[in-house]
Amino acid sequence: MQDQAGSGIAVGRGPCAGIPAEQMAFIRQVLDRVGDKWSLLVIATLEAGPLRYTDLQRDIPGISQRMLTLTLRQLQQDGLVTRTAYAEVPPRVEYALTPLSRSLNEIVKQLIGWAADHHDEIRQNRTRATTSVTSQH
């Protein structure tokens, strides 16, 4: 979508103002990736240093083997996580943050902290909204 001046800017105000329309689809993909709950938790968990797959799975409650594998693969593709395989017996593989993901890590920690700080309030709002919808029927 172009603005009236034909500059190719998607919108005139808000966080997307000034971003060329042709970049918006890719930016949404990046936000989907880094905003995914498992990606956030993997990045935050790797903050302390490289970890093996089993350590990551243990330190991220609720993540399935399939989802951890998929998340790590996607984070690698985007250059947010490195995978280092060591030629040992048994083989050892470690995952670590890249400089790119380290620049994202503070934002990730703040978002997780915000969710932890406000989960009771949000839970109450959800309960109130569900009760309101149920009582209207």
N, C-alpha and C. Protein backbone atom coordinates (compact mmCIF):
# COMPACT_ATOMS: atom_id res chain seq x y z
N MET A 1 0.85 -1.18 0.00
CA MET A 1 0.00 0.00 0.00
C MET A 1 0.89 1.23 0.00
N GLN A 2 0.65 2.17 -0.89
CA GLN A 2 1.43 3.39 -0.94
C GLN A 2 0.61 4.54 -0.37
N ASP A 3 1.34 5.50 0.21
CA ASP A 3 0.63 6.68 0.68
C ASP A 3 0.28 7.55 -0.52
N GLN A 4 -0.41 8.67 -0.26
CA GLN A 4 -0.89 9.50 -1.36
C GLN A 4 0.26 10.12 -2.15
N ALA A 5 1.41 10.31 -1.52
CA ALA A 5 2.54 10.90 -2.23
C ALA A 5 3.29 9.86 -3.06
N GLY A 6 2.92 8.59 -2.94
CA GLY A 6 3.55 7.53 -3.71
C GLY A 6 4.91 7.11 -3.19
N SER A 7 5.19 7.36 -1.91
CA SER A 7 6.52 7.05 -1.37
C SER A 7 6.68 5.60 -0.97
N GLY A 8 5.59 4.83 -0.95
CA GLY A 8 5.71 3.43 -0.59
C GLY A 8 5.73 3.19 0.91
N ILE A 9 5.42 4.18 1.71
CA ILE A 9 5.36 4.03 3.17
C ILE A 9 4.01 3.40 3.51
N ALA A 10 4.03 2.38 4.37
CA ALA A 10 2.82 1.62 4.67
C ALA A 10 1.79 2.45 5.42
N VAL A 11 2.19 3.19 6.42
CA VAL A 11 1.25 3.96 7.24
C VAL A 11 1.88 5.29 7.63
N GLY A 12 1.04 6.21 8.10
CA GLY A 12 1.52 7.53 8.44
C GLY A 12 1.82 7.75 9.90
N ARG A 13 1.41 6.83 10.78
CA ARG A 13 1.68 7.02 12.21
C ARG A 13 1.83 5.68 12.90
N GLY A 14 2.26 5.71 14.14
CA GLY A 14 2.45 4.49 14.92
C GLY A 14 3.82 3.89 14.70
N PRO A 15 4.06 2.70 15.23
CA PRO A 15 5.39 2.09 15.15
C PRO A 15 5.81 1.72 13.72
N CYS A 16 4.86 1.64 12.82
CA CYS A 16 5.18 1.28 11.44
C CYS A 16 5.42 2.50 10.55
N ALA A 17 5.21 3.68 11.10
CA ALA A 17 5.41 4.89 10.31
C ALA A 17 6.86 4.96 9.85
N GLY A 18 7.05 5.29 8.61
CA GLY A 18 8.39 5.43 8.09
C GLY A 18 9.02 4.16 7.58
N ILE A 19 8.36 3.03 7.78
CA ILE A 19 8.90 1.76 7.27
C ILE A 19 8.35 1.54 5.87
N PRO A 20 9.21 1.34 4.90
CA PRO A 20 8.72 1.10 3.53
C PRO A 20 7.78 -0.10 3.48
N ALA A 21 6.72 0.04 2.72
CA ALA A 21 5.70 -1.01 2.62
C ALA A 21 6.29 -2.35 2.21
N GLU A 22 7.30 -2.34 1.34
CA GLU A 22 7.87 -3.60 0.86
C GLU A 22 8.65 -4.34 1.95
N GLN A 23 8.96 -3.68 3.06
CA GLN A 23 9.67 -4.32 4.17
C GLN A 23 8.73 -4.88 5.24
N MET A 24 7.48 -4.49 5.22
CA MET A 24 6.56 -4.83 6.30
C MET A 24 6.33 -6.33 6.46
N ALA A 25 6.19 -7.07 5.38
CA ALA A 25 5.96 -8.51 5.50
C ALA A 25 7.13 -9.19 6.19
N PHE A 26 8.35 -8.81 5.83
CA PHE A 26 9.52 -9.42 6.45
C PHE A 26 9.63 -9.01 7.92
N ILE A 27 9.34 -7.76 8.22
CA ILE A 27 9.38 -7.30 9.62
C ILE A 27 8.36 -8.07 10.46
N ARG A 28 7.18 -8.32 9.91
CA ARG A 28 6.18 -9.12 10.64
C ARG A 28 6.70 -10.53 10.90
N GLN A 29 7.40 -11.11 9.91
CA GLN A 29 7.98 -12.45 10.10
C GLN A 29 9.00 -12.44 11.23
N VAL A 30 9.85 -11.43 11.26
CA VAL A 30 10.87 -11.33 12.32
C VAL A 30 10.19 -11.18 13.68
N LEU A 31 9.18 -10.33 13.75
CA LEU A 31 8.46 -10.15 15.02
C LEU A 31 7.76 -11.43 15.45
N ASP A 32 7.20 -12.17 14.49
CA ASP A 32 6.59 -13.46 14.83
C ASP A 32 7.63 -14.40 15.43
N ARG A 33 8.82 -14.43 14.86
CA ARG A 33 9.88 -15.32 15.32
C ARG A 33 10.36 -14.92 16.71
N VAL A 34 10.76 -13.67 16.87
CA VAL A 34 11.33 -13.27 18.16
C VAL A 34 10.27 -13.09 19.23
N GLY A 35 9.00 -12.95 18.81
CA GLY A 35 7.91 -12.81 19.77
C GLY A 35 7.27 -14.12 20.16
N ASP A 36 7.68 -15.21 19.54
CA ASP A 36 7.16 -16.53 19.85
C ASP A 36 7.58 -16.91 21.27
N LYS A 37 6.66 -17.50 22.03
CA LYS A 37 6.96 -17.80 23.44
C LYS A 37 8.17 -18.70 23.60
N TRP A 38 8.33 -19.69 22.73
CA TRP A 38 9.46 -20.60 22.89
C TRP A 38 10.77 -19.91 22.51
N SER A 39 10.75 -19.08 21.48
CA SER A 39 11.96 -18.35 21.10
C SER A 39 12.41 -17.44 22.23
N LEU A 40 11.47 -16.73 22.83
CA LEU A 40 11.79 -15.85 23.95
C LEU A 40 12.44 -16.62 25.09
N LEU A 41 11.87 -17.78 25.41
CA LEU A 41 12.40 -18.56 26.53
C LEU A 41 13.76 -19.18 26.20
N VAL A 42 13.96 -19.62 24.96
CA VAL A 42 15.27 -20.16 24.57
C VAL A 42 16.33 -19.07 24.67
N ILE A 43 16.04 -17.90 24.13
CA ILE A 43 17.00 -16.80 24.18
C ILE A 43 17.33 -16.44 25.62
N ALA A 44 16.32 -16.32 26.45
CA ALA A 44 16.55 -15.97 27.86
C ALA A 44 17.34 -17.06 28.59
N THR A 45 17.07 -18.31 28.27
CA THR A 45 17.76 -19.42 28.93
C THR A 45 19.23 -19.48 28.53
N LEU A 46 19.52 -19.14 27.29
CA LEU A 46 20.91 -19.18 26.82
C LEU A 46 21.74 -17.97 27.25
N GLU A 47 21.12 -17.04 27.95
CA GLU A 47 21.84 -15.84 28.37
C GLU A 47 23.09 -16.14 29.18
N ALA A 48 23.02 -17.13 30.05
CA ALA A 48 24.15 -17.46 30.94
C ALA A 48 25.31 -18.12 30.21
N GLY A 49 25.06 -18.61 29.02
CA GLY A 49 26.13 -19.27 28.27
C GLY A 49 25.62 -20.46 27.50
N PRO A 50 26.51 -21.10 26.74
CA PRO A 50 26.12 -22.24 25.90
C PRO A 50 25.53 -23.38 26.73
N LEU A 51 24.54 -24.04 26.14
CA LEU A 51 23.90 -25.19 26.79
C LEU A 51 23.70 -26.31 25.78
N ARG A 52 23.68 -27.51 26.29
CA ARG A 52 23.36 -28.67 25.47
C ARG A 52 21.84 -28.76 25.32
N TYR A 53 21.42 -29.50 24.33
CA TYR A 53 20.00 -29.66 24.03
C TYR A 53 19.23 -30.14 25.26
N THR A 54 19.73 -31.17 25.93
CA THR A 54 19.02 -31.72 27.09
C THR A 54 18.92 -30.71 28.23
N ASP A 55 19.95 -29.88 28.38
CA ASP A 55 19.89 -28.84 29.41
C ASP A 55 18.83 -27.80 29.07
N LEU A 56 18.76 -27.43 27.80
CA LEU A 56 17.72 -26.49 27.38
C LEU A 56 16.33 -27.06 27.63
N GLN A 57 16.14 -28.31 27.26
CA GLN A 57 14.83 -28.94 27.44
C GLN A 57 14.46 -29.00 28.92
N ARG A 58 15.42 -29.28 29.76
CA ARG A 58 15.18 -29.34 31.21
C ARG A 58 14.86 -27.95 31.77
N ASP A 59 15.53 -26.92 31.27
CA ASP A 59 15.39 -25.57 31.82
C ASP A 59 14.20 -24.79 31.28
N ILE A 60 13.51 -25.33 30.27
CA ILE A 60 12.33 -24.67 29.70
C ILE A 60 11.13 -25.59 29.91
N PRO A 61 10.44 -25.42 31.03
CA PRO A 61 9.31 -26.31 31.34
C PRO A 61 8.23 -26.25 30.27
N GLY A 62 7.74 -27.43 29.90
CA GLY A 62 6.62 -27.51 28.97
C GLY A 62 6.98 -27.59 27.51
N ILE A 63 8.24 -27.37 27.15
CA ILE A 63 8.59 -27.42 25.73
C ILE A 63 8.81 -28.88 25.32
N SER A 64 8.20 -29.25 24.22
CA SER A 64 8.35 -30.62 23.72
C SER A 64 9.66 -30.73 22.94
N GLN A 65 10.10 -31.94 22.74
CA GLN A 65 11.32 -32.19 21.98
C GLN A 65 11.17 -31.63 20.57
N ARG A 66 10.03 -31.86 19.95
CA ARG A 66 9.78 -31.38 18.60
C ARG A 66 9.82 -29.86 18.55
N MET A 67 9.18 -29.20 19.51
CA MET A 67 9.13 -27.73 19.50
C MET A 67 10.50 -27.12 19.79
N LEU A 68 11.27 -27.74 20.67
CA LEU A 68 12.62 -27.24 20.94
C LEU A 68 13.49 -27.37 19.69
N THR A 69 13.41 -28.50 19.02
CA THR A 69 14.18 -28.71 17.80
C THR A 69 13.80 -27.68 16.74
N LEU A 70 12.51 -27.47 16.53
CA LEU A 70 12.03 -26.51 15.54
C LEU A 70 12.46 -25.08 15.90
N THR A 71 12.32 -24.73 17.16
CA THR A 71 12.68 -23.38 17.62
C THR A 71 14.17 -23.13 17.44
N LEU A 72 15.00 -24.09 17.84
CA LEU A 72 16.44 -23.93 17.68
C LEU A 72 16.82 -23.80 16.21
N ARG A 73 16.20 -24.60 15.36
CA ARG A 73 16.49 -24.55 13.93
C ARG A 73 16.12 -23.18 13.36
N GLN A 74 14.96 -22.65 13.73
CA GLN A 74 14.53 -21.34 13.24
C GLN A 74 15.44 -20.22 13.77
N LEU A 75 15.82 -20.30 15.03
CA LEU A 75 16.71 -19.29 15.60
C LEU A 75 18.08 -19.33 14.93
N GLN A 76 18.53 -20.53 14.58
CA GLN A 76 19.80 -20.66 13.83
C GLN A 76 19.68 -20.02 12.45
N GLN A 77 18.58 -20.29 11.76
CA GLN A 77 18.38 -19.73 10.42
C GLN A 77 18.43 -18.21 10.43
N ASP A 78 17.93 -17.61 11.50
CA ASP A 78 17.91 -16.15 11.60
C ASP A 78 19.19 -15.58 12.20
N GLY A 79 20.15 -16.45 12.53
CA GLY A 79 21.41 -15.97 13.08
C GLY A 79 21.33 -15.54 14.53
N LEU A 80 20.35 -16.06 15.27
CA LEU A 80 20.18 -15.70 16.68
C LEU A 80 20.80 -16.72 17.63
N VAL A 81 21.03 -17.93 17.13
CA VAL A 81 21.62 -19.01 17.94
C VAL A 81 22.65 -19.73 17.08
N THR A 82 23.76 -20.11 17.71
CA THR A 82 24.74 -20.95 17.03
C THR A 82 24.64 -22.37 17.56
N ARG A 83 24.98 -23.31 16.70
CA ARG A 83 25.03 -24.73 17.07
C ARG A 83 26.45 -25.19 16.83
N THR A 84 27.09 -25.65 17.89
CA THR A 84 28.47 -26.12 17.76
C THR A 84 28.52 -27.60 18.12
N ALA A 85 28.97 -28.42 17.16
CA ALA A 85 29.11 -29.86 17.38
C ALA A 85 30.58 -30.15 17.65
N TYR A 86 30.83 -30.89 18.72
CA TYR A 86 32.19 -31.27 19.09
C TYR A 86 32.43 -32.72 18.71
N ALA A 87 33.59 -33.00 18.12
CA ALA A 87 33.94 -34.35 17.69
C ALA A 87 34.43 -35.15 18.88
N GLU A 88 33.47 -35.57 19.71
CA GLU A 88 33.78 -36.36 20.90
C GLU A 88 32.93 -37.61 20.87
N VAL A 89 33.26 -38.54 21.74
CA VAL A 89 32.44 -39.74 21.91
C VAL A 89 31.99 -39.76 23.37
N PRO A 90 30.69 -39.67 23.62
CA PRO A 90 29.60 -39.45 22.67
C PRO A 90 29.63 -38.01 22.13
N PRO A 91 29.01 -37.79 20.96
CA PRO A 91 29.01 -36.45 20.37
C PRO A 91 28.37 -35.43 21.32
N ARG A 92 28.92 -34.24 21.31
CA ARG A 92 28.38 -33.16 22.15
C ARG A 92 28.04 -31.99 21.25
N VAL A 93 26.84 -31.43 21.45
CA VAL A 93 26.38 -30.28 20.68
C VAL A 93 25.94 -29.22 21.69
N GLU A 94 26.38 -27.98 21.46
CA GLU A 94 25.98 -26.88 22.32
C GLU A 94 25.35 -25.77 21.50
N TYR A 95 24.42 -25.08 22.14
CA TYR A 95 23.74 -23.95 21.52
C TYR A 95 24.11 -22.71 22.32
N ALA A 96 24.30 -21.59 21.61
CA ALA A 96 24.70 -20.35 22.26
C ALA A 96 24.07 -19.17 21.53
N LEU A 97 23.98 -18.06 22.23
CA LEU A 97 23.50 -16.82 21.64
C LEU A 97 24.57 -16.22 20.73
N THR A 98 24.13 -15.52 19.72
CA THR A 98 25.03 -14.76 18.85
C THR A 98 25.03 -13.31 19.32
N PRO A 99 25.95 -12.50 18.84
CA PRO A 99 25.90 -11.07 19.18
C PRO A 99 24.55 -10.44 18.81
N LEU A 100 23.96 -10.87 17.71
CA LEU A 100 22.66 -10.35 17.31
C LEU A 100 21.59 -10.63 18.36
N SER A 101 21.55 -11.86 18.87
CA SER A 101 20.53 -12.19 19.88
C SER A 101 20.87 -11.58 21.23
N ARG A 102 22.14 -11.37 21.51
CA ARG A 102 22.51 -10.70 22.77
C ARG A 102 21.95 -9.28 22.79
N SER A 103 21.88 -8.64 21.62
CA SER A 103 21.31 -7.30 21.57
C SER A 103 19.80 -7.32 21.80
N LEU A 104 19.18 -8.46 21.59
CA LEU A 104 17.75 -8.65 21.81
C LEU A 104 17.44 -9.13 23.22
N ASN A 105 18.43 -9.70 23.89
CA ASN A 105 18.21 -10.38 25.15
C ASN A 105 17.62 -9.49 26.25
N GLU A 106 18.04 -8.26 26.35
CA GLU A 106 17.51 -7.38 27.41
C GLU A 106 16.02 -7.13 27.21
N ILE A 107 15.61 -6.96 25.96
CA ILE A 107 14.19 -6.78 25.65
C ILE A 107 13.41 -8.04 26.03
N VAL A 108 13.97 -9.21 25.70
CA VAL A 108 13.33 -10.48 26.01
C VAL A 108 13.14 -10.63 27.52
N LYS A 109 14.20 -10.33 28.29
CA LYS A 109 14.10 -10.45 29.75
C LYS A 109 13.05 -9.49 30.31
N GLN A 110 12.98 -8.29 29.76
CA GLN A 110 11.98 -7.33 30.23
C GLN A 110 10.58 -7.82 29.94
N LEU A 111 10.36 -8.38 28.76
CA LEU A 111 9.03 -8.89 28.40
C LEU A 111 8.62 -10.06 29.29
N ILE A 112 9.54 -10.98 29.52
CA ILE A 112 9.24 -12.12 30.40
C ILE A 112 8.97 -11.62 31.82
N GLY A 113 9.77 -10.67 32.29
CA GLY A 113 9.56 -10.10 33.62
C GLY A 113 8.22 -9.39 33.74
N TRP A 114 7.84 -8.67 32.69
CA TRP A 114 6.55 -7.99 32.69
C TRP A 114 5.42 -9.01 32.80
N ALA A 115 5.51 -10.09 32.02
CA ALA A 115 4.48 -11.13 32.07
C ALA A 115 4.41 -11.76 33.46
N ALA A 116 5.56 -12.00 34.08
CA ALA A 116 5.58 -12.57 35.43
C ALA A 116 4.99 -11.60 36.45
N ASP A 117 5.33 -10.33 36.32
CA ASP A 117 4.84 -9.31 37.26
C ASP A 117 3.34 -9.10 37.17
N HIS A 118 2.75 -9.29 36.00
CA HIS A 118 1.35 -8.94 35.78
C HIS A 118 0.43 -10.14 35.53
N HIS A 119 0.96 -11.35 35.72
CA HIS A 119 0.13 -12.51 35.37
C HIS A 119 -1.14 -12.61 36.21
N ASP A 120 -1.08 -12.25 37.50
CA ASP A 120 -2.28 -12.32 38.34
C ASP A 120 -3.36 -11.36 37.84
N GLU A 121 -2.96 -10.15 37.52
CA GLU A 121 -3.90 -9.14 37.02
C GLU A 121 -4.53 -9.58 35.69
N ILE A 122 -3.70 -10.10 34.80
CA ILE A 122 -4.21 -10.55 33.51
C ILE A 122 -5.14 -11.75 33.68
N ARG A 123 -4.77 -12.67 34.58
CA ARG A 123 -5.63 -13.82 34.85
C ARG A 123 -6.99 -13.36 35.37
N GLN A 124 -7.00 -12.39 36.28
CA GLN A 124 -8.26 -11.85 36.81
C GLN A 124 -9.10 -11.21 35.70
N ASN A 125 -8.44 -10.46 34.82
CA ASN A 125 -9.16 -9.84 33.71
C ASN A 125 -9.76 -10.89 32.78
N ARG A 126 -9.03 -11.95 32.52
CA ARG A 126 -9.55 -13.02 31.67
C ARG A 126 -10.75 -13.69 32.32
N THR A 127 -10.64 -13.95 33.61
CA THR A 127 -11.75 -14.58 34.34
C THR A 127 -12.97 -13.68 34.31
N ARG A 128 -12.75 -12.39 34.55
CA ARG A 128 -13.85 -11.43 34.53
C ARG A 128 -14.48 -11.37 33.14
N ALA A 129 -13.69 -11.36 32.09
CA ALA A 129 -14.22 -11.32 30.73
C ALA A 129 -14.99 -12.59 30.38
N THR A 130 -14.47 -13.74 30.80
CA THR A 130 -15.17 -15.00 30.55
C THR A 130 -16.48 -15.06 31.30
N THR A 131 -16.47 -14.59 32.55
CA THR A 131 -17.69 -14.57 33.36
C THR A 131 -18.72 -13.64 32.74
N SER A 132 -18.25 -12.50 32.24
CA SER A 132 -19.15 -11.53 31.61
C SER A 132 -19.78 -12.09 30.35
N VAL A 133 -19.01 -12.76 29.53
CA VAL A 133 -19.53 -13.35 28.29
C VAL A 133 -20.52 -14.47 28.61
N THR A 134 -20.19 -15.29 29.61
CA THR A 134 -21.05 -16.41 29.99
C THR A 134 -22.37 -15.90 30.55
N SER A 135 -22.34 -14.84 31.35
CA SER A 135 -23.58 -14.33 31.96
C SER A 135 -24.46 -13.61 30.96
N GLN A 136 -23.90 -13.19 29.81
CA GLN A 136 -24.69 -12.50 28.79
C GLN A 136 -25.49 -13.49 27.95
N HIS A 137 -25.13 -14.76 27.98
CA HIS A 137 -25.83 -15.75 27.15
C HIS A 137 -26.98 -16.31 27.89
